[in-house]
Amino acid sequence: MSNIFNIVENVYRHEEFLKKLMQNELTIPNEFTIEMGKLIRAAREEEGLSQTELAEKLSKRQATISDFENGKIEIGILTLVQLAIVFGKPISYFIPEMTFLVSISDIHNKWEEEALALFRSMEYEGDPHLALRLLKTLNEYFDETRDQEWGIPEEEN
């Protein structure tokens, strides 16, 4: 039951965040910039880069990278594009999940998140058309097996 209370508390907190955002009442650092900074730090550490090395790749100062990672400054879209290129990740990787969490209906299960991450990986690192065809084929397979399992007769053309 406490898990449900945590979810409701998160939804409330995120709704308040979005309300402040829309009323231009956010100060920096805030929950968004701090969470984004954690994602940048995680990607940097995963690649085994120091802040100085990342700064060189982005043509920024090391202090700027530190400020990013500590949520002390907002990051522009072009810098996000640079980060995505350097780390080989979609831009959405650097957007904290909290910005999408505005109601209970927006909560996704871990399987959906994993499937989406796998699809994005195939989309950016491979053939997006093949990835989509594979998903459609899997969906057709599940539709057919479910119909057979449940005894649903095939439609006649």
C-alpha atoms as a PDB file:
ATOM      1  CA  MET A   1       0.000   0.000   0.000  1.00  0.00           C
ATOM      2  CA  SER A   2       2.892   2.375   0.699  1.00  0.00           C
ATOM      3  CA  ASN A   3       3.949   1.955  -2.951  1.00  0.00           C
ATOM      4  CA  ILE A   4       0.628   3.471  -4.060  1.00  0.00           C
ATOM      5  CA  PHE A   5       1.148   6.374  -1.648  1.00  0.00           C
ATOM      6  CA  ASN A   6       4.638   6.933  -3.095  1.00  0.00           C
ATOM      7  CA  ILE A   7       3.198   6.994  -6.611  1.00  0.00           C
ATOM      8  CA  VAL A   8       0.471   9.457  -5.610  1.00  0.00           C
ATOM      9  CA  GLU A   9       3.035  11.637  -3.833  1.00  0.00           C
ATOM     10  CA  ASN A  10       5.243  11.628  -6.943  1.00  0.00           C
ATOM     11  CA  VAL A  11       2.303  12.527  -9.166  1.00  0.00           C
ATOM     12  CA  TYR A  12       1.382  15.423  -6.871  1.00  0.00           C
ATOM     13  CA  ARG A  13       5.009  16.647  -6.740  1.00  0.00           C
ATOM     14  CA  HIS A  14       5.334  16.489 -10.511  1.00  0.00           C
ATOM     15  CA  GLU A  15       2.044  18.283 -11.072  1.00  0.00           C
ATOM     16  CA  GLU A  16       3.294  21.059  -8.783  1.00  0.00           C
ATOM     17  CA  PHE A  17       6.556  21.187 -10.742  1.00  0.00           C
ATOM     18  CA  LEU A  18       4.708  21.510 -14.048  1.00  0.00           C
ATOM     19  CA  LYS A  19       2.438  24.186 -12.604  1.00  0.00           C
ATOM     20  CA  LYS A  20       5.470  26.242 -11.522  1.00  0.00           C
ATOM     21  CA  LEU A  21       7.072  25.646 -14.903  1.00  0.00           C
ATOM     22  CA  MET A  22       4.032  26.936 -16.772  1.00  0.00           C
ATOM     23  CA  GLN A  23       3.813  29.982 -14.485  1.00  0.00           C
ATOM     24  CA  ASN A  24       7.540  30.685 -14.969  1.00  0.00           C
ATOM     25  CA  GLU A  25       8.152  30.349 -11.216  1.00  0.00           C
ATOM     26  CA  LEU A  26      11.006  27.824 -11.268  1.00  0.00           C
ATOM     27  CA  THR A  27      14.366  28.705  -9.793  1.00  0.00           C
ATOM     28  CA  ILE A  28      17.652  26.986 -10.486  1.00  0.00           C
ATOM     29  CA  PRO A  29      18.655  24.495  -9.277  1.00  0.00           C
ATOM     30  CA  ASN A  30      15.349  22.672  -9.329  1.00  0.00           C
ATOM     31  CA  GLU A  31      14.216  19.047  -9.435  1.00  0.00           C
ATOM     32  CA  PHE A  32      14.432  18.933 -13.221  1.00  0.00           C
ATOM     33  CA  THR A  33      17.949  20.360 -13.556  1.00  0.00           C
ATOM     34  CA  ILE A  34      19.220  18.190 -10.694  1.00  0.00           C
ATOM     35  CA  GLU A  35      17.764  15.004 -12.198  1.00  0.00           C
ATOM     36  CA  MET A  36      19.090  15.907 -15.656  1.00  0.00           C
ATOM     37  CA  GLY A  37      22.513  16.452 -14.114  1.00  0.00           C
ATOM     38  CA  LYS A  38      22.405  12.976 -12.572  1.00  0.00           C
ATOM     39  CA  LEU A  39      21.640  11.488 -15.999  1.00  0.00           C
ATOM     40  CA  ILE A  40      24.551  13.360 -17.573  1.00  0.00           C
ATOM     41  CA  ARG A  41      26.898  12.234 -14.799  1.00  0.00           C
ATOM     42  CA  ALA A  42      25.721   8.620 -15.184  1.00  0.00           C
ATOM     43  CA  ALA A  43      26.319   8.697 -18.946  1.00  0.00           C
ATOM     44  CA  ARG A  44      29.743  10.296 -18.465  1.00  0.00           C
ATOM     45  CA  GLU A  45      30.796   7.757 -15.855  1.00  0.00           C
ATOM     46  CA  GLU A  46      29.453   4.891 -17.980  1.00  0.00           C
ATOM     47  CA  GLU A  47      31.782   6.061 -20.776  1.00  0.00           C
ATOM     48  CA  GLY A  48      34.679   6.405 -18.327  1.00  0.00           C
ATOM     49  CA  LEU A  49      35.159  10.099 -19.072  1.00  0.00           C
ATOM     50  CA  SER A  50      36.273  12.775 -16.640  1.00  0.00           C
ATOM     51  CA  GLN A  51      34.471  16.107 -16.541  1.00  0.00           C
ATOM     52  CA  THR A  52      37.485  17.661 -18.254  1.00  0.00           C
ATOM     53  CA  GLU A  53      37.397  15.106 -21.084  1.00  0.00           C
ATOM     54  CA  LEU A  54      33.667  15.657 -21.611  1.00  0.00           C
ATOM     55  CA  ALA A  55      34.216  19.421 -21.539  1.00  0.00           C
ATOM     56  CA  GLU A  56      36.777  19.093 -24.330  1.00  0.00           C
ATOM     57  CA  LYS A  57      34.384  17.013 -26.455  1.00  0.00           C
ATOM     58  CA  LEU A  58      31.630  19.629 -26.014  1.00  0.00           C
ATOM     59  CA  SER A  59      33.933  22.678 -26.319  1.00  0.00           C
ATOM     60  CA  LYS A  60      32.903  23.744 -22.814  1.00  0.00           C
ATOM     61  CA  ARG A  61      34.775  24.455 -19.579  1.00  0.00           C
ATOM     62  CA  GLN A  62      35.092  21.749 -16.918  1.00  0.00           C
ATOM     63  CA  ALA A  63      33.255  24.064 -14.501  1.00  0.00           C
ATOM     64  CA  THR A  64      30.297  24.156 -16.922  1.00  0.00           C
ATOM     65  CA  ILE A  65      30.122  20.341 -16.914  1.00  0.00           C
ATOM     66  CA  SER A  66      30.201  20.415 -13.119  1.00  0.00           C
ATOM     67  CA  ASP A  67      27.366  22.952 -13.105  1.00  0.00           C
ATOM     68  CA  PHE A  68      25.365  20.745 -15.515  1.00  0.00           C
ATOM     69  CA  GLU A  69      25.851  17.696 -13.308  1.00  0.00           C
ATOM     70  CA  ASN A  70      24.880  19.586 -10.157  1.00  0.00           C
ATOM     71  CA  GLY A  71      21.780  21.109 -11.744  1.00  0.00           C
ATOM     72  CA  LYS A  72      23.089  24.650 -11.341  1.00  0.00           C
ATOM     73  CA  ILE A  73      22.388  25.715 -14.928  1.00  0.00           C
ATOM     74  CA  GLU A  74      19.818  24.885 -17.569  1.00  0.00           C
ATOM     75  CA  ILE A  75      21.011  22.995 -20.601  1.00  0.00           C
ATOM     76  CA  GLY A  76      20.087  24.171 -24.081  1.00  0.00           C
ATOM     77  CA  ILE A  77      18.792  21.896 -26.811  1.00  0.00           C
ATOM     78  CA  LEU A  78      22.000  22.114 -28.854  1.00  0.00           C
ATOM     79  CA  THR A  79      24.013  20.931 -25.863  1.00  0.00           C
ATOM     80  CA  LEU A  80      21.552  18.058 -25.473  1.00  0.00           C
ATOM     81  CA  VAL A  81      22.166  17.145 -29.107  1.00  0.00           C
ATOM     82  CA  GLN A  82      25.917  17.201 -28.448  1.00  0.00           C
ATOM     83  CA  LEU A  83      25.499  14.965 -25.386  1.00  0.00           C
ATOM     84  CA  ALA A  84      23.363  12.530 -27.369  1.00  0.00           C
ATOM     85  CA  ILE A  85      26.040  12.314 -30.062  1.00  0.00           C
ATOM     86  CA  VAL A  86      28.957  11.958 -27.631  1.00  0.00           C
ATOM     87  CA  PHE A  87      27.249   9.228 -25.612  1.00  0.00           C
ATOM     88  CA  GLY A  88      25.352   7.551 -28.463  1.00  0.00           C
ATOM     89  CA  LYS A  89      22.043   7.948 -26.648  1.00  0.00           C
ATOM     90  CA  PRO A  90      18.722   9.470 -27.695  1.00  0.00           C
ATOM     91  CA  ILE A  91      18.083  13.001 -26.438  1.00  0.00           C
ATOM     92  CA  SER A  92      15.197  11.597 -24.417  1.00  0.00           C
ATOM     93  CA  TYR A  93      17.733   9.712 -22.258  1.00  0.00           C
ATOM     94  CA  PHE A  94      18.710  13.049 -20.693  1.00  0.00           C
ATOM     95  CA  ILE A  95      15.147  14.190 -19.988  1.00  0.00           C
ATOM     96  CA  PRO A  96      14.189  13.177 -16.447  1.00  0.00           C
ATOM     97  CA  GLU A  97      11.190  10.848 -16.304  1.00  0.00           C
ATOM     98  CA  MET A  98       9.488  13.136 -13.822  1.00  0.00           C
ATOM     99  CA  THR A  99       8.538  15.575 -16.579  1.00  0.00           C
ATOM    100  CA  PHE A 100       6.269  12.966 -18.138  1.00  0.00           C
ATOM    101  CA  LEU A 101       4.667  11.839 -14.913  1.00  0.00           C
ATOM    102  CA  VAL A 102       1.562  14.018 -14.647  1.00  0.00           C
ATOM    103  CA  SER A 103      -1.132  11.500 -13.814  1.00  0.00           C
ATOM    104  CA  ILE A 104      -1.548   7.904 -12.698  1.00  0.00           C
ATOM    105  CA  SER A 105      -2.427   6.933 -16.281  1.00  0.00           C
ATOM    106  CA  ASP A 106       1.059   8.033 -17.374  1.00  0.00           C
ATOM    107  CA  ILE A 107       2.823   5.445 -15.222  1.00  0.00           C
ATOM    108  CA  HIS A 108       4.350   2.707 -17.366  1.00  0.00           C
ATOM    109  CA  ASN A 109       5.323  -0.734 -16.246  1.00  0.00           C
ATOM    110  CA  LYS A 110       8.951  -1.822 -16.390  1.00  0.00           C
ATOM    111  CA  TRP A 111       8.309  -4.090 -19.391  1.00  0.00           C
ATOM    112  CA  GLU A 112       6.934  -1.227 -21.443  1.00  0.00           C
ATOM    113  CA  GLU A 113       9.921   0.932 -20.546  1.00  0.00           C
ATOM    114  CA  GLU A 114      12.346  -1.867 -21.412  1.00  0.00           C
ATOM    115  CA  ALA A 115      10.613  -2.561 -24.736  1.00  0.00           C
ATOM    116  CA  LEU A 116      10.707   1.135 -25.593  1.00  0.00           C
ATOM    117  CA  ALA A 117      14.407   1.338 -24.700  1.00  0.00           C
ATOM    118  CA  LEU A 118      15.156  -1.686 -26.879  1.00  0.00           C
ATOM    119  CA  PHE A 119      13.169  -0.254 -29.770  1.00  0.00           C
ATOM    120  CA  ARG A 120      14.954   3.096 -29.453  1.00  0.00           C
ATOM    121  CA  SER A 121      18.279   1.302 -29.453  1.00  0.00           C
ATOM    122  CA  MET A 122      17.347  -0.552 -32.655  1.00  0.00           C
ATOM    123  CA  GLU A 123      15.982   2.652 -34.137  1.00  0.00           C
ATOM    124  CA  TYR A 124      19.124   4.738 -33.511  1.00  0.00           C
ATOM    125  CA  GLU A 125      21.814   2.094 -33.888  1.00  0.00           C
ATOM    126  CA  GLY A 126      20.287  -0.081 -36.571  1.00  0.00           C
ATOM    127  CA  ASP A 127      17.470  -0.167 -39.068  1.00  0.00           C
ATOM    128  CA  PRO A 128      14.327   1.590 -37.769  1.00  0.00           C
ATOM    129  CA  HIS A 129      12.160   0.010 -40.493  1.00  0.00           C
ATOM    130  CA  LEU A 130      13.352  -3.464 -39.532  1.00  0.00           C
ATOM    131  CA  ALA A 131      12.692  -2.725 -35.854  1.00  0.00           C
ATOM    132  CA  LEU A 132       9.132  -1.650 -36.646  1.00  0.00           C
ATOM    133  CA  ARG A 133       8.536  -4.701 -38.868  1.00  0.00           C
ATOM    134  CA  LEU A 134       9.789  -6.985 -36.085  1.00  0.00           C
ATOM    135  CA  LEU A 135       7.415  -5.393 -33.576  1.00  0.00           C
ATOM    136  CA  LYS A 136       4.491  -5.708 -35.997  1.00  0.00           C
ATOM    137  CA  THR A 137       5.361  -9.370 -36.649  1.00  0.00           C
ATOM    138  CA  LEU A 138       5.488 -10.053 -32.909  1.00  0.00           C
ATOM    139  CA  ASN A 139       2.149  -8.327 -32.454  1.00  0.00           C
ATOM    140  CA  GLU A 140       0.569 -10.418 -35.220  1.00  0.00           C
ATOM    141  CA  TYR A 141       2.003 -13.581 -33.661  1.00  0.00           C
ATOM    142  CA  PHE A 142       0.545 -12.714 -30.267  1.00  0.00           C
ATOM    143  CA  ASP A 143      -2.815 -11.867 -31.827  1.00  0.00           C
ATOM    144  CA  GLU A 144      -2.900 -15.250 -33.590  1.00  0.00           C
ATOM    145  CA  THR A 145      -1.816 -17.282 -30.569  1.00  0.00           C
ATOM    146  CA  ARG A 146      -4.210 -15.422 -28.276  1.00  0.00           C
ATOM    147  CA  ASP A 147      -7.092 -16.057 -30.677  1.00  0.00           C
ATOM    148  CA  GLN A 148      -6.212 -19.771 -30.798  1.00  0.00           C
ATOM    149  CA  GLU A 149      -5.824 -19.941 -27.009  1.00  0.00           C
ATOM    150  CA  TRP A 150      -9.176 -18.269 -26.433  1.00  0.00           C
ATOM    151  CA  GLY A 151     -10.938 -20.226 -29.166  1.00  0.00           C
ATOM    152  CA  ILE A 152     -11.709 -17.191 -31.311  1.00  0.00           C
ATOM    153  CA  PRO A 153     -12.526 -18.386 -34.857  1.00  0.00           C
ATOM    154  CA  GLU A 154     -10.599 -16.922 -37.780  1.00  0.00           C
ATOM    155  CA  GLU A 155     -12.419 -14.275 -39.771  1.00  0.00           C
ATOM    156  CA  GLU A 156     -13.517 -15.263 -43.215  1.00  0.00           C
ATOM    157  CA  ASN A 157     -12.615 -12.874 -46.035  1.00  0.00           C
END
